[in-house]
Amino acid sequence: MSKINKIKITQVKSSIGYRIKARKTLESLGLKKINHFVLHNDTPAIRGMIKSVDYMLKVEDVN
């Protein structure tokens, strides 16, 4: 049985001044404010959302 990898996503920049699509992506990831973090399974869908707003995030692998 394979282990599902988790990633810790932390918002490091404010969404003020960025496009609405970027704000909605942060909201769908579950991020609310600066230094707020969430844990997600490492899936292609989550990686795609991270890639679209990577300039506002810090991503770490969690074992």
N, C-alpha and C. Protein backbone atom coordinates (compact mmCIF):
# COMPACT_ATOMS: atom_id res chain seq x y z
N MET A 1 0.84 -1.17 0.00
CA MET A 1 0.00 0.00 0.00
C MET A 1 0.89 1.24 0.00
N SER A 2 0.61 2.19 -0.89
CA SER A 2 1.43 3.38 -0.99
C SER A 2 0.98 4.45 0.01
N LYS A 3 1.94 5.20 0.49
CA LYS A 3 1.66 6.26 1.44
C LYS A 3 1.31 7.53 0.67
N ILE A 4 0.25 8.20 1.09
CA ILE A 4 -0.14 9.46 0.45
C ILE A 4 0.69 10.58 1.04
N ASN A 5 1.40 11.30 0.18
CA ASN A 5 2.24 12.40 0.64
C ASN A 5 1.37 13.62 0.94
N LYS A 6 1.76 14.36 1.95
CA LYS A 6 1.08 15.60 2.34
C LYS A 6 2.01 16.77 2.06
N ILE A 7 1.41 17.92 1.79
CA ILE A 7 2.18 19.14 1.63
C ILE A 7 1.58 20.23 2.51
N LYS A 8 2.45 21.05 3.05
CA LYS A 8 2.04 22.18 3.88
C LYS A 8 2.15 23.43 3.01
N ILE A 9 1.04 24.14 2.87
CA ILE A 9 0.99 25.33 2.03
C ILE A 9 0.78 26.54 2.94
N THR A 10 1.69 27.50 2.87
CA THR A 10 1.62 28.70 3.69
C THR A 10 1.51 29.92 2.79
N GLN A 11 0.58 30.82 3.12
CA GLN A 11 0.44 32.06 2.37
C GLN A 11 1.44 33.07 2.93
N VAL A 12 2.31 33.61 2.08
CA VAL A 12 3.34 34.54 2.54
C VAL A 12 3.13 35.96 2.02
N LYS A 13 2.20 36.17 1.10
CA LYS A 13 1.90 37.50 0.58
C LYS A 13 0.41 37.73 0.63
N SER A 14 0.03 38.99 0.74
CA SER A 14 -1.37 39.36 0.75
C SER A 14 -1.95 39.24 -0.65
N SER A 15 -3.24 38.96 -0.73
CA SER A 15 -3.90 38.85 -2.03
C SER A 15 -4.42 40.21 -2.52
N ILE A 16 -4.25 41.25 -1.70
CA ILE A 16 -4.71 42.59 -2.09
C ILE A 16 -3.89 43.06 -3.28
N GLY A 17 -4.56 43.53 -4.30
CA GLY A 17 -3.89 44.06 -5.47
C GLY A 17 -3.67 43.04 -6.57
N TYR A 18 -4.01 41.78 -6.33
CA TYR A 18 -3.87 40.75 -7.35
C TYR A 18 -5.22 40.45 -7.98
N ARG A 19 -5.21 39.76 -9.08
CA ARG A 19 -6.43 39.50 -9.82
C ARG A 19 -7.40 38.62 -9.02
N ILE A 20 -8.67 38.71 -9.37
CA ILE A 20 -9.72 38.00 -8.66
C ILE A 20 -9.51 36.49 -8.74
N LYS A 21 -9.04 36.01 -9.88
CA LYS A 21 -8.80 34.57 -10.04
C LYS A 21 -7.78 34.06 -9.03
N ALA A 22 -6.75 34.87 -8.75
CA ALA A 22 -5.74 34.48 -7.76
C ALA A 22 -6.35 34.42 -6.37
N ARG A 23 -7.21 35.38 -6.05
CA ARG A 23 -7.87 35.39 -4.74
C ARG A 23 -8.77 34.18 -4.57
N LYS A 24 -9.50 33.83 -5.63
CA LYS A 24 -10.38 32.67 -5.58
C LYS A 24 -9.58 31.37 -5.43
N THR A 25 -8.42 31.30 -6.05
CA THR A 25 -7.57 30.12 -5.92
C THR A 25 -7.08 29.96 -4.49
N LEU A 26 -6.67 31.06 -3.86
CA LEU A 26 -6.25 31.00 -2.46
C LEU A 26 -7.41 30.55 -1.58
N GLU A 27 -8.59 31.07 -1.85
CA GLU A 27 -9.78 30.69 -1.09
C GLU A 27 -10.10 29.22 -1.25
N SER A 28 -9.96 28.70 -2.47
CA SER A 28 -10.25 27.28 -2.70
C SER A 28 -9.20 26.36 -2.07
N LEU A 29 -7.99 26.88 -1.88
CA LEU A 29 -6.97 26.12 -1.16
C LEU A 29 -7.22 26.14 0.34
N GLY A 30 -8.06 27.07 0.80
CA GLY A 30 -8.38 27.15 2.22
C GLY A 30 -7.56 28.19 2.97
N LEU A 31 -6.86 29.04 2.23
CA LEU A 31 -6.02 30.06 2.86
C LEU A 31 -6.81 31.34 3.07
N LYS A 32 -6.60 31.97 4.22
CA LYS A 32 -7.39 33.13 4.58
C LYS A 32 -6.57 34.41 4.75
N LYS A 33 -5.36 34.30 5.30
CA LYS A 33 -4.55 35.49 5.57
C LYS A 33 -3.08 35.11 5.56
N ILE A 34 -2.23 36.11 5.69
CA ILE A 34 -0.78 35.90 5.68
C ILE A 34 -0.37 35.02 6.86
N ASN A 35 0.55 34.11 6.61
CA ASN A 35 1.09 33.13 7.56
C ASN A 35 0.08 32.05 7.97
N HIS A 36 -1.07 32.00 7.34
CA HIS A 36 -2.02 30.91 7.56
C HIS A 36 -1.55 29.73 6.72
N PHE A 37 -1.62 28.52 7.28
CA PHE A 37 -1.19 27.36 6.51
C PHE A 37 -2.26 26.27 6.54
N VAL A 38 -2.23 25.42 5.53
CA VAL A 38 -3.13 24.28 5.43
C VAL A 38 -2.33 23.07 4.99
N LEU A 39 -2.84 21.90 5.30
CA LEU A 39 -2.25 20.64 4.84
C LEU A 39 -3.17 20.02 3.80
N HIS A 40 -2.60 19.60 2.68
CA HIS A 40 -3.35 18.96 1.62
C HIS A 40 -2.61 17.72 1.15
N ASN A 41 -3.35 16.79 0.57
CA ASN A 41 -2.71 15.66 -0.11
C ASN A 41 -2.01 16.18 -1.35
N ASP A 42 -0.89 15.58 -1.69
CA ASP A 42 -0.13 16.00 -2.86
C ASP A 42 -0.73 15.36 -4.11
N THR A 43 -1.66 16.09 -4.73
CA THR A 43 -2.33 15.61 -5.94
C THR A 43 -2.06 16.57 -7.09
N PRO A 44 -2.25 16.13 -8.31
CA PRO A 44 -2.04 17.03 -9.45
C PRO A 44 -2.96 18.26 -9.44
N ALA A 45 -4.17 18.12 -8.94
CA ALA A 45 -5.09 19.26 -8.88
C ALA A 45 -4.57 20.33 -7.92
N ILE A 46 -4.11 19.91 -6.76
CA ILE A 46 -3.57 20.85 -5.78
C ILE A 46 -2.28 21.48 -6.31
N ARG A 47 -1.42 20.68 -6.94
CA ARG A 47 -0.18 21.22 -7.52
C ARG A 47 -0.47 22.26 -8.59
N GLY A 48 -1.54 22.06 -9.38
CA GLY A 48 -1.92 23.03 -10.40
C GLY A 48 -2.37 24.35 -9.79
N MET A 49 -3.14 24.27 -8.70
CA MET A 49 -3.56 25.49 -8.02
C MET A 49 -2.36 26.22 -7.41
N ILE A 50 -1.43 25.46 -6.85
CA ILE A 50 -0.23 26.06 -6.28
C ILE A 50 0.59 26.77 -7.36
N LYS A 51 0.70 26.14 -8.50
CA LYS A 51 1.50 26.71 -9.59
C LYS A 51 0.92 28.04 -10.08
N SER A 52 -0.41 28.17 -10.05
CA SER A 52 -1.02 29.40 -10.56
C SER A 52 -0.83 30.59 -9.62
N VAL A 53 -0.57 30.35 -8.34
CA VAL A 53 -0.34 31.45 -7.39
C VAL A 53 0.94 31.23 -6.58
N ASP A 54 1.95 30.63 -7.19
CA ASP A 54 3.18 30.29 -6.47
C ASP A 54 3.94 31.49 -5.93
N TYR A 55 3.70 32.67 -6.47
CA TYR A 55 4.37 33.88 -6.01
C TYR A 55 3.84 34.36 -4.65
N MET A 56 2.74 33.78 -4.17
CA MET A 56 2.16 34.15 -2.88
C MET A 56 2.28 33.05 -1.84
N LEU A 57 2.90 31.91 -2.20
CA LEU A 57 2.89 30.74 -1.33
C LEU A 57 4.28 30.22 -1.02
N LYS A 58 4.36 29.48 0.08
CA LYS A 58 5.54 28.69 0.41
C LYS A 58 5.05 27.26 0.60
N VAL A 59 5.67 26.30 -0.07
CA VAL A 59 5.21 24.91 -0.05
C VAL A 59 6.31 24.04 0.54
N GLU A 60 5.92 23.16 1.48
CA GLU A 60 6.86 22.24 2.12
C GLU A 60 6.26 20.84 2.11
N ASP A 61 7.12 19.84 1.96
CA ASP A 61 6.67 18.45 2.08
C ASP A 61 6.60 18.08 3.55
N VAL A 62 5.55 17.32 3.90
CA VAL A 62 5.37 16.86 5.27
C VAL A 62 5.39 15.34 5.24
N ASN A 63 6.20 14.75 6.09
CA ASN A 63 6.29 13.29 6.14
C ASN A 63 5.59 12.75 7.35
